[in-house]
Amino acid sequence: MNIEEIGPKLSDVMDVVPVCEGLILAKISGEVLIGQTLIEMDHSIIAKSFSKLFEADLSNIDKGNIQDFTINLENGAIIAVRNDDHMLIGLLGSDGKSSVGLLVRQLRNIMWN
């Protein structure tokens, strides 16, 4: 994954999904590479939390590793998508709940294409 190519793609996501409040690109280990949010947040804590979630052992289901998460919160949602080495996390506020599907599709396109 070329980080220089990802920056413009993240800007495009913010244009396509204007209710997106932030995006964080990190290594699957939780090391933040790019983080931009509308309000001050500790991007590394968010990335490390999702790194742990992606490590969850669901082998008894026999369907493979976790590829993405959508977590609905009281005042918004968090979407995280991973590939082999990186994860991309998108944040939506309460006004963005109707845009969850659109943001998921945008993040998947970046991570899996």
N, C-alpha and C. Protein backbone atom coordinates (compact mmCIF):
# COMPACT_ATOMS: atom_id res chain seq x y z
N MET A 1 0.85 -1.18 0.00
CA MET A 1 0.00 0.00 0.00
C MET A 1 0.89 1.24 0.00
N ASN A 2 0.69 2.07 -0.97
CA ASN A 2 1.48 3.29 -1.11
C ASN A 2 0.78 4.43 -0.37
N ILE A 3 1.37 4.90 0.70
CA ILE A 3 0.77 5.93 1.54
C ILE A 3 0.52 7.22 0.76
N GLU A 4 1.42 7.56 -0.17
CA GLU A 4 1.25 8.79 -0.95
C GLU A 4 0.00 8.74 -1.83
N GLU A 5 -0.40 7.54 -2.24
CA GLU A 5 -1.61 7.38 -3.06
C GLU A 5 -2.87 7.40 -2.20
N ILE A 6 -2.74 7.04 -0.94
CA ILE A 6 -3.91 6.94 -0.07
C ILE A 6 -4.45 8.32 0.34
N GLY A 7 -3.57 9.28 0.57
CA GLY A 7 -3.99 10.62 1.01
C GLY A 7 -5.09 11.22 0.15
N PRO A 8 -4.90 11.30 -1.17
CA PRO A 8 -5.96 11.84 -2.03
C PRO A 8 -7.25 11.00 -1.98
N LYS A 9 -7.11 9.70 -1.84
CA LYS A 9 -8.30 8.85 -1.75
C LYS A 9 -9.09 9.15 -0.49
N LEU A 10 -8.38 9.43 0.61
CA LEU A 10 -9.07 9.79 1.84
C LEU A 10 -9.80 11.12 1.69
N SER A 11 -9.18 12.06 1.01
CA SER A 11 -9.85 13.34 0.75
C SER A 11 -11.10 13.14 -0.09
N ASP A 12 -11.02 12.22 -1.05
CA ASP A 12 -12.19 11.91 -1.88
C ASP A 12 -13.33 11.34 -1.04
N VAL A 13 -12.97 10.49 -0.06
CA VAL A 13 -14.00 9.93 0.82
C VAL A 13 -14.70 11.04 1.58
N MET A 14 -13.93 11.99 2.08
CA MET A 14 -14.52 13.10 2.82
C MET A 14 -15.46 13.93 1.93
N ASP A 15 -15.18 13.99 0.62
CA ASP A 15 -16.05 14.69 -0.32
C ASP A 15 -17.32 13.89 -0.61
N VAL A 16 -17.16 12.58 -0.80
CA VAL A 16 -18.29 11.72 -1.14
C VAL A 16 -19.21 11.52 0.07
N VAL A 17 -18.63 11.45 1.25
CA VAL A 17 -19.39 11.26 2.49
C VAL A 17 -19.16 12.47 3.39
N PRO A 18 -19.82 13.58 3.11
CA PRO A 18 -19.54 14.81 3.85
C PRO A 18 -19.82 14.74 5.35
N VAL A 19 -20.62 13.76 5.80
CA VAL A 19 -20.89 13.62 7.22
C VAL A 19 -19.80 12.81 7.94
N CYS A 20 -18.80 12.36 7.20
CA CYS A 20 -17.68 11.64 7.81
C CYS A 20 -16.89 12.62 8.68
N GLU A 21 -16.70 12.25 9.94
CA GLU A 21 -16.01 13.13 10.89
C GLU A 21 -14.54 12.84 11.02
N GLY A 22 -14.07 11.79 10.37
CA GLY A 22 -12.65 11.51 10.44
C GLY A 22 -12.29 10.17 9.84
N LEU A 23 -11.02 10.05 9.47
CA LEU A 23 -10.47 8.83 8.91
C LEU A 23 -9.09 8.59 9.53
N ILE A 24 -8.82 7.35 9.83
CA ILE A 24 -7.53 6.97 10.39
C ILE A 24 -7.01 5.76 9.62
N LEU A 25 -5.84 5.90 9.03
CA LEU A 25 -5.16 4.79 8.38
C LEU A 25 -4.05 4.34 9.31
N ALA A 26 -4.01 3.05 9.59
CA ALA A 26 -3.00 2.52 10.52
C ALA A 26 -2.53 1.15 10.06
N LYS A 27 -1.36 0.79 10.52
CA LYS A 27 -0.91 -0.58 10.33
C LYS A 27 -1.80 -1.47 11.18
N ILE A 28 -1.90 -2.72 10.81
CA ILE A 28 -2.76 -3.63 11.55
C ILE A 28 -2.32 -3.77 13.00
N SER A 29 -1.06 -3.42 13.28
CA SER A 29 -0.54 -3.44 14.66
C SER A 29 -1.07 -2.28 15.50
N GLY A 30 -1.66 -1.26 14.86
CA GLY A 30 -2.19 -0.11 15.57
C GLY A 30 -1.37 1.16 15.40
N GLU A 31 -0.26 1.09 14.68
CA GLU A 31 0.57 2.28 14.43
C GLU A 31 -0.12 3.18 13.40
N VAL A 32 -0.43 4.42 13.81
CA VAL A 32 -1.15 5.35 12.94
C VAL A 32 -0.21 5.90 11.87
N LEU A 33 -0.67 5.86 10.63
CA LEU A 33 0.07 6.42 9.49
C LEU A 33 -0.50 7.76 9.05
N ILE A 34 -1.83 7.85 9.00
CA ILE A 34 -2.53 9.08 8.65
C ILE A 34 -3.74 9.18 9.56
N GLY A 35 -3.95 10.33 10.13
CA GLY A 35 -5.12 10.54 10.96
C GLY A 35 -5.64 11.95 10.79
N GLN A 36 -6.91 12.04 10.44
CA GLN A 36 -7.53 13.36 10.33
C GLN A 36 -8.96 13.25 10.84
N THR A 37 -9.24 14.02 11.88
CA THR A 37 -10.58 14.04 12.46
C THR A 37 -10.99 15.49 12.68
N LEU A 38 -12.30 15.71 12.70
CA LEU A 38 -12.81 17.07 12.86
C LEU A 38 -12.60 17.60 14.27
N ILE A 39 -12.62 16.72 15.25
CA ILE A 39 -12.35 17.13 16.62
C ILE A 39 -11.09 16.44 17.11
N GLU A 40 -10.49 16.97 18.13
CA GLU A 40 -9.26 16.41 18.68
C GLU A 40 -9.53 15.04 19.30
N MET A 41 -8.84 14.03 18.81
CA MET A 41 -8.95 12.67 19.32
C MET A 41 -7.57 12.05 19.34
N ASP A 42 -7.39 11.05 20.19
CA ASP A 42 -6.15 10.30 20.20
C ASP A 42 -6.28 9.17 19.20
N HIS A 43 -5.76 9.38 18.00
CA HIS A 43 -5.88 8.41 16.92
C HIS A 43 -5.24 7.08 17.27
N SER A 44 -4.15 7.11 18.03
CA SER A 44 -3.44 5.87 18.35
C SER A 44 -4.27 4.97 19.27
N ILE A 45 -5.01 5.55 20.20
CA ILE A 45 -5.87 4.73 21.07
C ILE A 45 -6.96 4.05 20.24
N ILE A 46 -7.55 4.79 19.33
CA ILE A 46 -8.59 4.22 18.47
C ILE A 46 -8.01 3.09 17.63
N ALA A 47 -6.86 3.33 17.00
CA ALA A 47 -6.24 2.33 16.13
C ALA A 47 -5.84 1.09 16.93
N LYS A 48 -5.29 1.26 18.11
CA LYS A 48 -4.89 0.11 18.92
C LYS A 48 -6.10 -0.69 19.37
N SER A 49 -7.20 -0.02 19.66
CA SER A 49 -8.42 -0.72 20.04
C SER A 49 -8.94 -1.59 18.90
N PHE A 50 -8.95 -1.03 17.70
CA PHE A 50 -9.41 -1.82 16.56
C PHE A 50 -8.43 -2.91 16.18
N SER A 51 -7.16 -2.69 16.42
CA SER A 51 -6.18 -3.74 16.18
C SER A 51 -6.51 -4.96 17.04
N LYS A 52 -6.88 -4.71 18.28
CA LYS A 52 -7.26 -5.81 19.18
C LYS A 52 -8.55 -6.49 18.72
N LEU A 53 -9.51 -5.70 18.25
CA LEU A 53 -10.75 -6.28 17.76
C LEU A 53 -10.50 -7.18 16.55
N PHE A 54 -9.63 -6.74 15.64
CA PHE A 54 -9.33 -7.55 14.46
C PHE A 54 -8.59 -8.84 14.82
N GLU A 55 -7.96 -8.88 15.99
CA GLU A 55 -7.26 -10.09 16.43
C GLU A 55 -8.18 -11.11 17.09
N ALA A 56 -9.45 -10.78 17.27
CA ALA A 56 -10.38 -11.69 17.93
C ALA A 56 -10.37 -13.05 17.24
N ASP A 57 -10.32 -14.09 18.03
CA ASP A 57 -10.27 -15.45 17.50
C ASP A 57 -11.68 -15.97 17.26
N LEU A 58 -12.06 -16.02 16.01
CA LEU A 58 -13.35 -16.56 15.63
C LEU A 58 -13.18 -17.81 14.77
N SER A 59 -12.07 -18.52 15.00
CA SER A 59 -11.75 -19.69 14.18
C SER A 59 -12.79 -20.80 14.30
N ASN A 60 -13.51 -20.85 15.42
CA ASN A 60 -14.52 -21.88 15.58
C ASN A 60 -15.69 -21.70 14.61
N ILE A 61 -15.84 -20.52 14.05
CA ILE A 61 -16.89 -20.28 13.06
C ILE A 61 -16.47 -20.82 11.69
N ASP A 62 -15.16 -20.93 11.46
CA ASP A 62 -14.60 -21.49 10.23
C ASP A 62 -15.00 -20.68 8.99
N LYS A 63 -14.92 -19.36 9.11
CA LYS A 63 -15.24 -18.48 7.98
C LYS A 63 -14.09 -17.55 7.63
N GLY A 64 -12.94 -17.70 8.25
CA GLY A 64 -11.79 -16.84 7.98
C GLY A 64 -11.67 -15.71 8.98
N ASN A 65 -10.74 -14.82 8.71
CA ASN A 65 -10.47 -13.68 9.60
C ASN A 65 -11.50 -12.58 9.42
N ILE A 66 -11.61 -11.74 10.43
CA ILE A 66 -12.50 -10.57 10.38
C ILE A 66 -11.97 -9.60 9.33
N GLN A 67 -12.83 -9.14 8.45
CA GLN A 67 -12.46 -8.20 7.40
C GLN A 67 -12.88 -6.77 7.70
N ASP A 68 -14.04 -6.60 8.34
CA ASP A 68 -14.48 -5.24 8.68
C ASP A 68 -15.46 -5.28 9.83
N PHE A 69 -15.61 -4.11 10.45
CA PHE A 69 -16.52 -3.90 11.56
C PHE A 69 -17.36 -2.67 11.28
N THR A 70 -18.61 -2.71 11.71
CA THR A 70 -19.43 -1.52 11.81
C THR A 70 -19.99 -1.53 13.22
N ILE A 71 -19.64 -0.51 13.98
CA ILE A 71 -20.10 -0.42 15.36
C ILE A 71 -20.98 0.82 15.48
N ASN A 72 -22.24 0.59 15.81
CA ASN A 72 -23.17 1.70 16.01
C ASN A 72 -23.11 2.14 17.47
N LEU A 73 -22.98 3.43 17.65
CA LEU A 73 -22.88 4.02 18.98
C LEU A 73 -24.08 4.91 19.24
N GLU A 74 -24.23 5.38 20.44
CA GLU A 74 -25.36 6.26 20.76
C GLU A 74 -25.36 7.51 19.88
N ASN A 75 -24.17 8.04 19.61
CA ASN A 75 -24.08 9.31 18.87
C ASN A 75 -23.24 9.18 17.62
N GLY A 76 -23.39 8.07 16.91
CA GLY A 76 -22.65 7.92 15.67
C GLY A 76 -22.30 6.48 15.39
N ALA A 77 -21.25 6.29 14.59
CA ALA A 77 -20.82 4.95 14.21
C ALA A 77 -19.33 4.98 13.88
N ILE A 78 -18.71 3.83 14.02
CA ILE A 78 -17.32 3.65 13.63
C ILE A 78 -17.26 2.47 12.69
N ILE A 79 -16.60 2.65 11.57
CA ILE A 79 -16.41 1.59 10.59
C ILE A 79 -14.92 1.34 10.46
N ALA A 80 -14.52 0.08 10.47
CA ALA A 80 -13.11 -0.27 10.28
C ALA A 80 -13.02 -1.39 9.26
N VAL A 81 -12.12 -1.22 8.31
CA VAL A 81 -11.89 -2.20 7.25
C VAL A 81 -10.41 -2.51 7.23
N ARG A 82 -10.06 -3.78 7.02
CA ARG A 82 -8.66 -4.16 7.01
C ARG A 82 -8.30 -4.92 5.74
N ASN A 83 -7.01 -4.88 5.43
CA ASN A 83 -6.44 -5.79 4.46
C ASN A 83 -5.36 -6.56 5.20
N ASP A 84 -4.41 -7.15 4.54
CA ASP A 84 -3.41 -7.97 5.22
C ASP A 84 -2.54 -7.17 6.19
N ASP A 85 -2.20 -5.92 5.84
CA ASP A 85 -1.23 -5.15 6.61
C ASP A 85 -1.76 -3.89 7.27
N HIS A 86 -2.89 -3.36 6.80
CA HIS A 86 -3.38 -2.06 7.25
C HIS A 86 -4.86 -2.11 7.58
N MET A 87 -5.29 -1.08 8.30
CA MET A 87 -6.72 -0.89 8.55
C MET A 87 -7.07 0.57 8.35
N LEU A 88 -8.30 0.80 7.93
CA LEU A 88 -8.80 2.14 7.70
C LEU A 88 -10.07 2.29 8.53
N ILE A 89 -10.09 3.31 9.38
CA ILE A 89 -11.18 3.53 10.32
C ILE A 89 -11.89 4.83 9.95
N GLY A 90 -13.20 4.76 9.84
CA GLY A 90 -14.01 5.94 9.54
C GLY A 90 -14.95 6.24 10.69
N LEU A 91 -15.12 7.52 10.99
CA LEU A 91 -15.96 7.96 12.10
C LEU A 91 -17.13 8.78 11.57
N LEU A 92 -18.31 8.46 12.06
CA LEU A 92 -19.52 9.20 11.71
C LEU A 92 -20.18 9.71 12.97
N GLY A 93 -20.72 10.92 12.92
CA GLY A 93 -21.49 11.46 14.03
C GLY A 93 -22.93 11.01 13.94
N SER A 94 -23.76 11.51 14.85
CA SER A 94 -25.17 11.10 14.89
C SER A 94 -25.90 11.46 13.60
N ASP A 95 -25.47 12.50 12.91
CA ASP A 95 -26.12 12.87 11.66
C ASP A 95 -25.66 12.00 10.49
N GLY A 96 -24.73 11.09 10.72
CA GLY A 96 -24.20 10.27 9.64
C GLY A 96 -24.67 8.83 9.64
N LYS A 97 -25.57 8.48 10.53
CA LYS A 97 -26.00 7.08 10.61
C LYS A 97 -26.61 6.57 9.31
N SER A 98 -27.25 7.43 8.55
CA SER A 98 -27.83 6.99 7.28
C SER A 98 -26.76 6.81 6.20
N SER A 99 -25.54 7.21 6.47
CA SER A 99 -24.45 7.10 5.50
C SER A 99 -23.48 5.97 5.81
N VAL A 100 -23.82 5.10 6.74
CA VAL A 100 -22.93 4.01 7.12
C VAL A 100 -22.58 3.14 5.91
N GLY A 101 -23.58 2.72 5.16
CA GLY A 101 -23.33 1.85 4.00
C GLY A 101 -22.43 2.50 2.97
N LEU A 102 -22.63 3.77 2.72
CA LEU A 102 -21.81 4.50 1.77
C LEU A 102 -20.36 4.57 2.23
N LEU A 103 -20.14 4.85 3.51
CA LEU A 103 -18.78 4.92 4.03
C LEU A 103 -18.11 3.54 4.01
N VAL A 104 -18.85 2.50 4.37
CA VAL A 104 -18.29 1.15 4.33
C VAL A 104 -17.81 0.84 2.92
N ARG A 105 -18.62 1.12 1.92
CA ARG A 105 -18.26 0.84 0.52
C ARG A 105 -17.01 1.62 0.12
N GLN A 106 -16.92 2.88 0.51
CA GLN A 106 -15.75 3.70 0.18
C GLN A 106 -14.48 3.13 0.81
N LEU A 107 -14.55 2.75 2.08
CA LEU A 107 -13.38 2.22 2.77
C LEU A 107 -12.97 0.87 2.19
N ARG A 108 -13.94 0.03 1.88
CA ARG A 108 -13.62 -1.26 1.25
C ARG A 108 -12.93 -1.07 -0.10
N ASN A 109 -13.41 -0.12 -0.88
CA ASN A 109 -12.79 0.13 -2.19
C ASN A 109 -11.33 0.53 -2.03
N ILE A 110 -11.03 1.34 -1.04
CA ILE A 110 -9.63 1.76 -0.83
C ILE A 110 -8.79 0.59 -0.36
N MET A 111 -9.28 -0.18 0.58
CA MET A 111 -8.49 -1.23 1.19
C MET A 111 -8.35 -2.48 0.34
N TRP A 112 -9.33 -2.79 -0.47
CA TRP A 112 -9.32 -4.06 -1.19
C TRP A 112 -9.07 -3.92 -2.68
N ASN A 113 -8.84 -2.71 -3.17
CA ASN A 113 -8.56 -2.53 -4.60
C ASN A 113 -7.17 -2.03 -4.82
